[in-house]
Amino acid sequence: MSTRRLSRPPVPLAGGMPAVRRRAMLAGIAAFLLGVSGCTTTSAKKALEKTEGAAPYAAFDPDAAAASKRKAEKPTPVKEDTEPDEAITTLVQQLQRDPAYAVSAEEQLRLWGQKQGVGKIIVSKVRLLLKDPKIEVRAPALRLTVLYGGPDCCGDLIEALADPEYGIRATAFKSLRLRTRRDYSFDPAGGELARAEAVEVWRRWWQDEQRKKTAQEPTIYEEKRPEEPKVSTPR
């Protein structure tokens, strides 16, 4: 007759907890304490890492000049009694700085543009910004051009159709359609080749319009020449 050896269940310890579970619990506690005392992953170390050696005052902080620690300067509003040309020049310069300046500068330019004759000054000074490499500069420049630009700004709007940013192209195209009642099959979201072909059509149209303006209009004498004066000779 064969005898079967039965496995003995783990001996419960104090509190009725088996030894296996107690060992697992102790291992978990040890891992937790290890994680608290010294992070085991690079991401965790970076998350909990604190800067050492930095003085409480920025003047003594060796990294105080870092871009991440600099506070945005508050732009000073241009006084209302400033000469319009000087005021617009100052605000356009602020428009090219960081976004904290750009937002305030655009708002002030909108207010200045409501004054008689100032809108033309704004358009003439933001024109070059339409080619700025930063979208944060081109976008407000385009908005101001659309807002205060006259018929002569169509050329700048046409060039904005070739901008790499969809938002710039869409805004310029919308304004052109309202101004000219034309579209020349331009699609701001279309392919690069199709857009380029449509932009060329827009450019040719604008060149024709400019030639029409430079052509001298017929004067009243050319439309109906006056009769030559008759000279009577005495008899």
Protein backbone atom coordinates (compact mmCIF):
# COMPACT_ATOMS: atom_id res chain seq x y z
CA MET A 1 0.00 0.00 0.00
CA SER A 2 1.52 3.28 -1.12
CA THR A 3 1.43 6.31 1.07
CA ARG A 4 0.80 9.82 -0.28
CA ARG A 5 2.73 12.70 1.20
CA LEU A 6 0.43 15.59 1.76
CA SER A 7 1.76 19.14 1.44
CA ARG A 8 1.56 20.97 4.70
CA PRO A 9 -0.16 24.36 4.55
CA PRO A 10 1.95 27.35 5.51
CA VAL A 11 2.10 28.00 9.17
CA PRO A 12 0.15 31.09 10.04
CA LEU A 13 2.04 33.77 11.90
CA ALA A 14 0.77 36.29 14.35
CA GLY A 15 -2.44 37.81 13.19
CA GLY A 16 -3.32 34.81 11.01
CA MET A 17 -1.25 35.92 7.96
CA PRO A 18 0.53 33.12 6.06
CA ALA A 19 4.30 33.35 5.75
CA VAL A 20 4.15 33.55 1.92
CA ARG A 21 1.89 36.58 1.97
CA ARG A 22 3.94 38.17 4.71
CA ARG A 23 7.14 37.78 2.67
CA ALA A 24 5.43 39.31 -0.39
CA MET A 25 4.20 42.22 1.69
CA LEU A 26 7.67 42.83 3.12
CA ALA A 27 9.17 42.74 -0.36
CA GLY A 28 6.65 45.34 -1.54
CA ILE A 29 7.40 47.60 1.40
CA ALA A 30 11.11 47.32 0.71
CA ALA A 31 10.60 48.26 -2.95
CA PHE A 32 8.49 51.26 -1.93
CA LEU A 33 11.14 52.47 0.51
CA LEU A 34 13.78 52.04 -2.19
CA GLY A 35 11.74 54.12 -4.58
CA VAL A 36 11.33 56.90 -2.02
CA SER A 37 14.94 57.04 -0.95
CA GLY A 38 16.40 56.77 -4.42
CA CYS A 39 14.45 56.89 -7.71
CA THR A 40 15.16 53.97 -9.98
CA THR A 41 14.08 55.55 -13.30
CA THR A 42 15.49 58.54 -15.11
CA SER A 43 12.06 60.10 -15.61
CA ALA A 44 11.27 59.83 -11.92
CA LYS A 45 14.59 61.38 -11.01
CA LYS A 46 13.92 64.31 -13.31
CA ALA A 47 10.42 64.75 -11.90
CA LEU A 48 11.62 64.89 -8.30
CA GLU A 49 14.96 66.53 -8.89
CA LYS A 50 15.33 69.97 -7.30
CA THR A 51 17.73 72.64 -8.37
CA GLU A 52 20.62 72.89 -5.98
CA GLY A 53 22.84 75.82 -5.34
CA ALA A 54 20.32 78.46 -6.44
CA ALA A 55 20.15 81.42 -4.10
CA PRO A 56 16.72 82.65 -3.04
CA TYR A 57 17.30 85.95 -4.86
CA ALA A 58 17.51 86.17 -8.65
CA ALA A 59 20.51 88.47 -8.38
CA PHE A 60 22.53 85.60 -6.92
CA ASP A 61 21.06 82.85 -9.09
CA PRO A 62 23.69 81.75 -11.64
CA ASP A 63 20.87 80.70 -14.02
CA ALA A 64 18.69 83.77 -13.53
CA ALA A 65 19.34 84.90 -17.11
CA ALA A 66 17.92 81.69 -18.56
CA ALA A 67 14.94 82.20 -20.85
CA SER A 68 12.79 79.89 -18.75
CA LYS A 69 13.33 82.05 -15.64
CA ARG A 70 12.88 85.48 -17.16
CA LYS A 71 9.57 87.14 -16.50
CA ALA A 72 7.75 88.76 -19.42
CA GLU A 73 8.09 92.51 -19.39
CA LYS A 74 4.92 94.54 -19.47
CA PRO A 75 4.89 96.91 -22.45
CA THR A 76 4.27 100.54 -21.67
CA PRO A 77 1.22 101.92 -23.52
CA VAL A 78 1.95 104.68 -26.01
CA LYS A 79 0.60 108.01 -24.83
CA GLU A 80 -2.33 109.41 -26.73
CA ASP A 81 -0.65 112.76 -27.32
CA THR A 82 2.25 111.09 -29.18
CA GLU A 83 2.66 111.98 -32.84
CA PRO A 84 0.88 109.32 -34.92
CA ASP A 85 3.93 108.40 -36.99
CA GLU A 86 6.09 108.02 -33.89
CA ALA A 87 3.40 106.07 -32.04
CA ILE A 88 2.87 103.62 -34.91
CA THR A 89 6.61 103.10 -35.33
CA THR A 90 6.95 102.24 -31.63
CA LEU A 91 3.99 99.86 -31.68
CA VAL A 92 5.18 98.11 -34.84
CA GLN A 93 8.54 97.53 -33.16
CA GLN A 94 6.74 96.03 -30.17
CA LEU A 95 4.74 93.86 -32.55
CA GLN A 96 7.96 92.13 -33.56
CA ARG A 97 8.95 91.25 -30.01
CA ASP A 98 7.69 88.38 -27.83
CA PRO A 99 3.95 87.55 -27.73
CA ALA A 100 3.46 89.54 -24.53
CA TYR A 101 4.34 92.67 -26.50
CA ALA A 102 2.62 91.63 -29.73
CA VAL A 103 -0.84 91.24 -28.21
CA SER A 104 -0.77 94.64 -26.53
CA ALA A 105 0.78 96.31 -29.59
CA GLU A 106 -1.92 94.98 -31.92
CA GLU A 107 -4.67 96.19 -29.58
CA GLN A 108 -3.15 99.66 -29.43
CA LEU A 109 -2.67 99.76 -33.20
CA ARG A 110 -6.35 98.98 -33.66
CA LEU A 111 -7.24 101.92 -31.43
CA TRP A 112 -4.85 104.24 -33.22
CA GLY A 113 -6.18 103.10 -36.58
CA GLN A 114 -9.59 104.56 -35.74
CA LYS A 115 -8.11 108.05 -35.90
CA GLN A 116 -8.37 109.85 -39.20
CA GLY A 117 -5.50 109.11 -41.56
CA VAL A 118 -3.66 106.78 -39.16
CA GLY A 119 -4.88 103.57 -40.80
CA LYS A 120 -2.77 104.28 -43.89
CA ILE A 121 0.29 104.78 -41.70
CA ILE A 122 -0.30 101.44 -40.00
CA VAL A 123 -0.66 99.57 -43.29
CA SER A 124 2.50 101.13 -44.71
CA LYS A 125 4.55 100.18 -41.63
CA VAL A 126 3.29 96.60 -41.14
CA ARG A 127 3.66 95.75 -44.82
CA LEU A 128 7.17 94.35 -44.45
CA LEU A 129 6.07 92.23 -41.50
CA LEU A 130 3.94 90.10 -43.83
CA LYS A 131 7.22 88.39 -44.81
CA ASP A 132 8.50 87.94 -41.27
CA PRO A 133 9.66 84.38 -40.53
CA LYS A 134 7.56 84.23 -37.35
CA ILE A 135 3.87 83.47 -37.68
CA GLU A 136 3.27 85.43 -34.45
CA VAL A 137 4.34 88.54 -36.36
CA ARG A 138 2.81 87.82 -39.78
CA ALA A 139 -0.66 87.06 -38.38
CA PRO A 140 -1.29 90.42 -36.64
CA ALA A 141 0.32 92.26 -39.56
CA LEU A 142 -2.15 90.60 -41.92
CA ARG A 143 -5.12 91.32 -39.65
CA LEU A 144 -4.18 95.00 -39.52
CA THR A 145 -3.70 95.08 -43.30
CA VAL A 146 -7.14 93.58 -43.86
CA LEU A 147 -8.68 95.99 -41.36
CA TYR A 148 -7.15 99.26 -42.56
CA GLY A 149 -5.83 98.50 -46.03
CA GLY A 150 -7.38 100.13 -49.09
CA PRO A 151 -7.52 98.88 -52.68
CA ASP A 152 -3.75 99.26 -53.00
CA CYS A 153 -3.13 96.48 -50.46
CA CYS A 154 -4.45 93.78 -52.82
CA GLY A 155 -0.91 93.14 -54.02
CA ASP A 156 0.23 92.34 -50.48
CA LEU A 157 -2.81 90.12 -49.92
CA ILE A 158 -2.01 88.23 -53.13
CA GLU A 159 1.53 87.58 -51.91
CA ALA A 160 0.07 86.31 -48.62
CA LEU A 161 -1.69 83.58 -50.64
CA ALA A 162 1.74 81.94 -50.99
CA ASP A 163 2.32 81.84 -47.23
CA PRO A 164 3.22 78.39 -45.81
CA GLU A 165 0.57 78.72 -43.08
CA TYR A 166 -3.00 77.81 -43.96
CA GLY A 167 -4.50 80.43 -41.64
CA ILE A 168 -2.61 83.23 -43.39
CA ARG A 169 -3.64 82.01 -46.82
CA ALA A 170 -7.29 81.62 -45.82
CA THR A 171 -7.50 85.09 -44.26
CA ALA A 172 -5.86 86.77 -47.26
CA PHE A 173 -8.06 84.89 -49.73
CA LYS A 174 -11.25 85.77 -47.89
CA SER A 175 -10.33 89.45 -47.96
CA LEU A 176 -9.40 89.32 -51.66
CA ARG A 177 -12.71 87.74 -52.61
CA LEU A 178 -14.62 90.45 -50.77
CA ARG A 179 -12.57 93.19 -52.39
CA THR A 180 -12.37 91.93 -55.97
CA ARG A 181 -15.29 89.48 -56.38
CA ARG A 182 -12.79 87.04 -57.89
CA ASP A 183 -11.25 83.78 -56.76
CA TYR A 184 -9.32 82.35 -59.77
CA SER A 185 -9.91 78.82 -58.41
CA PHE A 186 -7.58 79.39 -55.48
CA ASP A 187 -8.07 76.99 -52.57
CA PRO A 188 -6.16 77.79 -49.34
CA ALA A 189 -6.25 74.09 -48.44
CA GLY A 190 -5.35 72.86 -51.93
CA GLY A 191 -2.14 71.24 -53.08
CA GLU A 192 1.05 73.24 -53.31
CA LEU A 193 1.24 73.08 -57.10
CA ALA A 194 -2.40 74.09 -57.62
CA ARG A 195 -2.00 76.97 -55.20
CA ALA A 196 1.13 78.21 -56.94
CA GLU A 197 -0.62 78.23 -60.32
CA ALA A 198 -3.59 80.16 -58.91
CA VAL A 199 -1.29 82.68 -57.23
CA GLU A 200 0.38 83.35 -60.59
CA VAL A 201 -3.04 84.09 -62.09
CA TRP A 202 -3.75 86.49 -59.24
CA ARG A 203 -0.41 88.21 -59.79
CA ARG A 204 -1.02 88.68 -63.52
CA TRP A 205 -4.44 90.14 -62.80
CA TRP A 206 -2.94 92.59 -60.31
CA GLN A 207 -0.25 93.63 -62.80
CA ASP A 208 -2.93 94.34 -65.40
CA GLU A 209 -4.84 96.41 -62.85
CA GLN A 210 -1.73 98.43 -62.07
CA ARG A 211 -1.06 99.08 -65.75
CA LYS A 212 -4.61 100.36 -66.16
CA LYS A 213 -4.05 102.84 -63.35
CA THR A 214 -0.74 104.10 -64.71
CA ALA A 215 -2.16 104.63 -68.20
CA GLN A 216 -3.03 108.27 -68.65
CA GLU A 217 -6.71 108.88 -69.01
CA PRO A 218 -7.80 110.88 -72.06
CA THR A 219 -8.24 114.53 -71.35
CA ILE A 220 -11.21 116.57 -72.45
CA TYR A 221 -9.16 117.89 -75.34
CA GLU A 222 -8.33 114.37 -76.55
CA GLU A 223 -11.96 113.30 -76.42
CA LYS A 224 -13.17 116.36 -78.32
CA ARG A 225 -10.49 118.58 -79.71
CA PRO A 226 -11.38 122.24 -79.72
CA GLU A 227 -11.61 123.93 -83.07
CA GLU A 228 -8.59 125.87 -84.20
CA PRO A 229 -9.14 129.59 -83.75
CA LYS A 230 -9.85 131.40 -87.02
CA VAL A 231 -7.66 134.35 -87.80
CA SER A 232 -9.35 136.98 -89.89
CA THR A 233 -7.18 139.22 -92.05
CA PRO A 234 -8.22 142.81 -92.60
CA ARG A 235 -9.21 143.74 -96.13
